[in-house]
Amino acid sequence: MGIEVDEKGMEGRIESGYAEVKRDSLDEGMRVGKEGKKEGKGLWMGLLGNGGEVLAEMIGGKLIGDVLREQRCGEDGLKG
């Protein structure tokens, strides 16, 4: 699951094949992810939201992923 704050950025990730589907809430994203896991299917999912807020929600619900990383363009402060 990748978290994207910008809807246009998320649309671009889906169009480019980086993500397969978009979800607007962590609960919905987790539901879809658990269904895929049960069926043995991998899924590249994009979650539309603020990374800090989503992370706080994950920690509050005691849900921690295997990997956490930030991906942005550090050289471009305007388009990052």
N, C-alpha and C. Protein backbone atom coordinates (compact mmCIF):
# COMPACT_ATOMS: atom_id res chain seq x y z
N MET A 1 0.85 -1.16 0.00
CA MET A 1 0.00 0.00 0.00
C MET A 1 0.90 1.23 0.00
N GLY A 2 0.67 2.09 -0.96
CA GLY A 2 1.37 3.37 -1.02
C GLY A 2 0.40 4.48 -0.65
N ILE A 3 0.87 5.45 0.11
CA ILE A 3 0.02 6.58 0.52
C ILE A 3 0.38 7.78 -0.33
N GLU A 4 -0.62 8.38 -0.93
CA GLU A 4 -0.43 9.54 -1.81
C GLU A 4 -1.38 10.63 -1.38
N VAL A 5 -0.85 11.82 -1.14
CA VAL A 5 -1.68 12.93 -0.67
C VAL A 5 -2.39 13.65 -1.83
N ASP A 6 -1.85 13.54 -3.02
CA ASP A 6 -2.36 14.28 -4.17
C ASP A 6 -3.17 13.36 -5.09
N GLU A 7 -4.43 13.70 -5.31
CA GLU A 7 -5.30 12.86 -6.15
C GLU A 7 -4.75 12.72 -7.57
N LYS A 8 -4.22 13.81 -8.14
CA LYS A 8 -3.65 13.72 -9.50
C LYS A 8 -2.44 12.78 -9.51
N GLY A 9 -1.64 12.85 -8.45
CA GLY A 9 -0.50 11.94 -8.35
C GLY A 9 -0.95 10.50 -8.29
N MET A 10 -2.03 10.25 -7.56
CA MET A 10 -2.56 8.89 -7.46
C MET A 10 -3.07 8.41 -8.81
N GLU A 11 -3.77 9.27 -9.52
CA GLU A 11 -4.27 8.90 -10.86
C GLU A 11 -3.09 8.54 -11.77
N GLY A 12 -2.01 9.32 -11.67
CA GLY A 12 -0.82 9.04 -12.48
C GLY A 12 -0.20 7.70 -12.13
N ARG A 13 -0.19 7.35 -10.86
CA ARG A 13 0.36 6.06 -10.44
C ARG A 13 -0.47 4.90 -10.99
N ILE A 14 -1.77 5.09 -11.04
CA ILE A 14 -2.64 4.04 -11.59
C ILE A 14 -2.44 3.95 -13.09
N GLU A 15 -2.41 5.08 -13.77
CA GLU A 15 -2.22 5.09 -15.23
C GLU A 15 -0.88 4.47 -15.63
N SER A 16 0.16 4.69 -14.83
CA SER A 16 1.49 4.18 -15.16
C SER A 16 1.66 2.71 -14.75
N GLY A 17 0.70 2.17 -13.99
CA GLY A 17 0.80 0.79 -13.55
C GLY A 17 1.51 0.62 -12.22
N TYR A 18 1.93 1.72 -11.60
CA TYR A 18 2.59 1.65 -10.29
C TYR A 18 1.63 1.16 -9.23
N ALA A 19 0.37 1.56 -9.34
CA ALA A 19 -0.68 1.08 -8.43
C ALA A 19 -1.81 0.52 -9.28
N GLU A 20 -2.50 -0.48 -8.74
CA GLU A 20 -3.60 -1.10 -9.48
C GLU A 20 -4.95 -0.49 -9.12
N VAL A 21 -5.15 -0.17 -7.85
CA VAL A 21 -6.41 0.39 -7.39
C VAL A 21 -6.15 1.52 -6.41
N LYS A 22 -7.17 2.33 -6.21
CA LYS A 22 -7.10 3.45 -5.27
C LYS A 22 -8.18 3.27 -4.21
N ARG A 23 -7.82 3.54 -2.98
CA ARG A 23 -8.78 3.53 -1.89
C ARG A 23 -8.65 4.84 -1.12
N ASP A 24 -9.75 5.26 -0.51
CA ASP A 24 -9.78 6.56 0.18
C ASP A 24 -9.71 6.45 1.70
N SER A 25 -9.74 5.23 2.24
CA SER A 25 -9.65 5.09 3.70
C SER A 25 -8.78 3.89 4.04
N LEU A 26 -8.11 3.98 5.17
CA LEU A 26 -7.27 2.87 5.62
C LEU A 26 -8.12 1.62 5.86
N ASP A 27 -9.29 1.78 6.45
CA ASP A 27 -10.16 0.62 6.70
C ASP A 27 -10.50 -0.11 5.40
N GLU A 28 -10.86 0.65 4.37
CA GLU A 28 -11.20 0.04 3.08
C GLU A 28 -9.96 -0.61 2.46
N GLY A 29 -8.84 0.07 2.55
CA GLY A 29 -7.60 -0.49 2.01
C GLY A 29 -7.22 -1.79 2.70
N MET A 30 -7.36 -1.83 4.02
CA MET A 30 -7.04 -3.05 4.76
C MET A 30 -8.02 -4.17 4.42
N ARG A 31 -9.29 -3.83 4.25
CA ARG A 31 -10.27 -4.85 3.88
C ARG A 31 -9.91 -5.49 2.55
N VAL A 32 -9.60 -4.66 1.57
CA VAL A 32 -9.24 -5.16 0.24
C VAL A 32 -7.93 -5.96 0.31
N GLY A 33 -6.97 -5.47 1.09
CA GLY A 33 -5.70 -6.18 1.23
C GLY A 33 -5.87 -7.55 1.88
N LYS A 34 -6.70 -7.63 2.91
CA LYS A 34 -6.94 -8.91 3.58
C LYS A 34 -7.65 -9.90 2.66
N GLU A 35 -8.58 -9.39 1.84
CA GLU A 35 -9.26 -10.27 0.88
C GLU A 35 -8.25 -10.84 -0.12
N GLY A 36 -7.37 -9.97 -0.62
CA GLY A 36 -6.35 -10.44 -1.56
C GLY A 36 -5.42 -11.45 -0.93
N LYS A 37 -5.03 -11.22 0.32
CA LYS A 37 -4.15 -12.16 1.02
C LYS A 37 -4.83 -13.51 1.17
N LYS A 38 -6.10 -13.48 1.53
CA LYS A 38 -6.86 -14.72 1.71
C LYS A 38 -6.93 -15.51 0.40
N GLU A 39 -7.03 -14.78 -0.73
CA GLU A 39 -7.11 -15.41 -2.05
C GLU A 39 -5.73 -15.71 -2.63
N GLY A 40 -4.67 -15.30 -1.93
CA GLY A 40 -3.32 -15.54 -2.42
C GLY A 40 -2.91 -14.62 -3.56
N LYS A 41 -3.54 -13.44 -3.64
CA LYS A 41 -3.26 -12.49 -4.71
C LYS A 41 -2.55 -11.25 -4.15
N GLY A 42 -1.50 -10.85 -4.84
CA GLY A 42 -0.84 -9.60 -4.49
C GLY A 42 -1.56 -8.44 -5.15
N LEU A 43 -1.50 -7.28 -4.55
CA LEU A 43 -2.19 -6.12 -5.09
C LEU A 43 -1.39 -4.86 -4.79
N TRP A 44 -1.15 -4.06 -5.80
CA TRP A 44 -0.50 -2.77 -5.60
C TRP A 44 -1.60 -1.76 -5.39
N MET A 45 -1.73 -1.28 -4.19
CA MET A 45 -2.84 -0.39 -3.84
C MET A 45 -2.32 0.99 -3.46
N GLY A 46 -3.04 2.00 -3.90
CA GLY A 46 -2.74 3.36 -3.51
C GLY A 46 -3.81 3.85 -2.55
N LEU A 47 -3.37 4.43 -1.45
CA LEU A 47 -4.29 4.98 -0.46
C LEU A 47 -4.18 6.49 -0.51
N LEU A 48 -5.28 7.15 -0.80
CA LEU A 48 -5.29 8.60 -0.89
C LEU A 48 -5.39 9.17 0.53
N GLY A 49 -4.40 9.92 0.95
CA GLY A 49 -4.43 10.50 2.28
C GLY A 49 -3.11 11.13 2.66
N ASN A 50 -3.07 11.72 3.83
CA ASN A 50 -1.88 12.34 4.38
C ASN A 50 -1.07 11.26 5.10
N GLY A 51 0.18 11.07 4.71
CA GLY A 51 0.99 10.00 5.27
C GLY A 51 1.10 10.06 6.79
N GLY A 52 1.28 11.24 7.36
CA GLY A 52 1.38 11.37 8.81
C GLY A 52 0.10 10.97 9.51
N GLU A 53 -1.03 11.37 8.96
CA GLU A 53 -2.32 11.01 9.56
C GLU A 53 -2.60 9.52 9.43
N VAL A 54 -2.29 8.96 8.27
CA VAL A 54 -2.53 7.53 8.07
C VAL A 54 -1.60 6.72 8.98
N LEU A 55 -0.35 7.13 9.11
CA LEU A 55 0.57 6.42 9.99
C LEU A 55 0.09 6.45 11.44
N ALA A 56 -0.39 7.61 11.89
CA ALA A 56 -0.93 7.71 13.25
C ALA A 56 -2.13 6.78 13.42
N GLU A 57 -2.97 6.70 12.40
CA GLU A 57 -4.13 5.80 12.44
C GLU A 57 -3.68 4.33 12.51
N MET A 58 -2.63 4.01 11.76
CA MET A 58 -2.10 2.65 11.77
C MET A 58 -1.54 2.30 13.15
N ILE A 59 -0.76 3.19 13.72
CA ILE A 59 -0.16 2.95 15.03
C ILE A 59 -1.23 2.86 16.10
N GLY A 60 -2.23 3.74 16.03
CA GLY A 60 -3.33 3.71 16.99
C GLY A 60 -4.11 2.41 16.96
N GLY A 61 -4.18 1.81 15.77
CA GLY A 61 -4.88 0.54 15.62
C GLY A 61 -3.94 -0.65 15.73
N LYS A 62 -2.68 -0.36 16.12
CA LYS A 62 -1.66 -1.39 16.28
C LYS A 62 -1.43 -2.17 14.98
N LEU A 63 -1.48 -1.47 13.87
CA LEU A 63 -1.24 -2.07 12.56
C LEU A 63 0.06 -1.47 12.01
N ILE A 64 1.08 -2.26 11.97
CA ILE A 64 2.37 -1.79 11.47
C ILE A 64 2.78 -2.69 10.31
N GLY A 65 3.15 -2.07 9.21
CA GLY A 65 3.58 -2.83 8.04
C GLY A 65 4.98 -3.38 8.21
N ASP A 66 5.39 -4.21 7.29
CA ASP A 66 6.73 -4.78 7.31
C ASP A 66 7.79 -3.75 6.92
N VAL A 67 7.41 -2.82 6.05
CA VAL A 67 8.35 -1.82 5.55
C VAL A 67 7.66 -0.46 5.53
N LEU A 68 8.40 0.55 5.93
CA LEU A 68 7.90 1.92 5.86
C LEU A 68 9.00 2.76 5.23
N ARG A 69 8.67 3.47 4.16
CA ARG A 69 9.66 4.34 3.52
C ARG A 69 8.97 5.52 2.89
N GLU A 70 9.75 6.55 2.67
CA GLU A 70 9.23 7.75 2.02
C GLU A 70 9.80 7.79 0.61
N GLN A 71 8.95 8.17 -0.33
CA GLN A 71 9.40 8.28 -1.71
C GLN A 71 8.96 9.63 -2.24
N ARG A 72 9.92 10.47 -2.50
CA ARG A 72 9.64 11.79 -3.07
C ARG A 72 10.88 12.30 -3.77
N CYS A 73 10.68 13.30 -4.57
CA CYS A 73 11.80 13.92 -5.26
C CYS A 73 12.35 15.02 -4.36
N GLY A 74 13.50 14.79 -3.75
CA GLY A 74 14.07 15.74 -2.82
C GLY A 74 14.64 16.98 -3.46
N GLU A 75 14.92 16.94 -4.74
CA GLU A 75 15.54 18.09 -5.40
C GLU A 75 14.54 19.16 -5.79
N ASP A 76 13.27 18.82 -5.87
CA ASP A 76 12.27 19.76 -6.36
C ASP A 76 11.29 20.10 -5.24
N GLY A 77 11.52 21.22 -4.57
CA GLY A 77 10.68 21.65 -3.46
C GLY A 77 9.26 22.01 -3.86
N LEU A 78 9.03 22.35 -5.13
CA LEU A 78 7.70 22.73 -5.57
C LEU A 78 6.87 21.55 -6.05
N LYS A 79 7.50 20.59 -6.70
CA LYS A 79 6.76 19.48 -7.28
C LYS A 79 6.99 18.16 -6.55
N GLY A 80 7.97 18.11 -5.63
CA GLY A 80 8.40 16.96 -4.86
C GLY A 80 7.50 15.84 -4.80
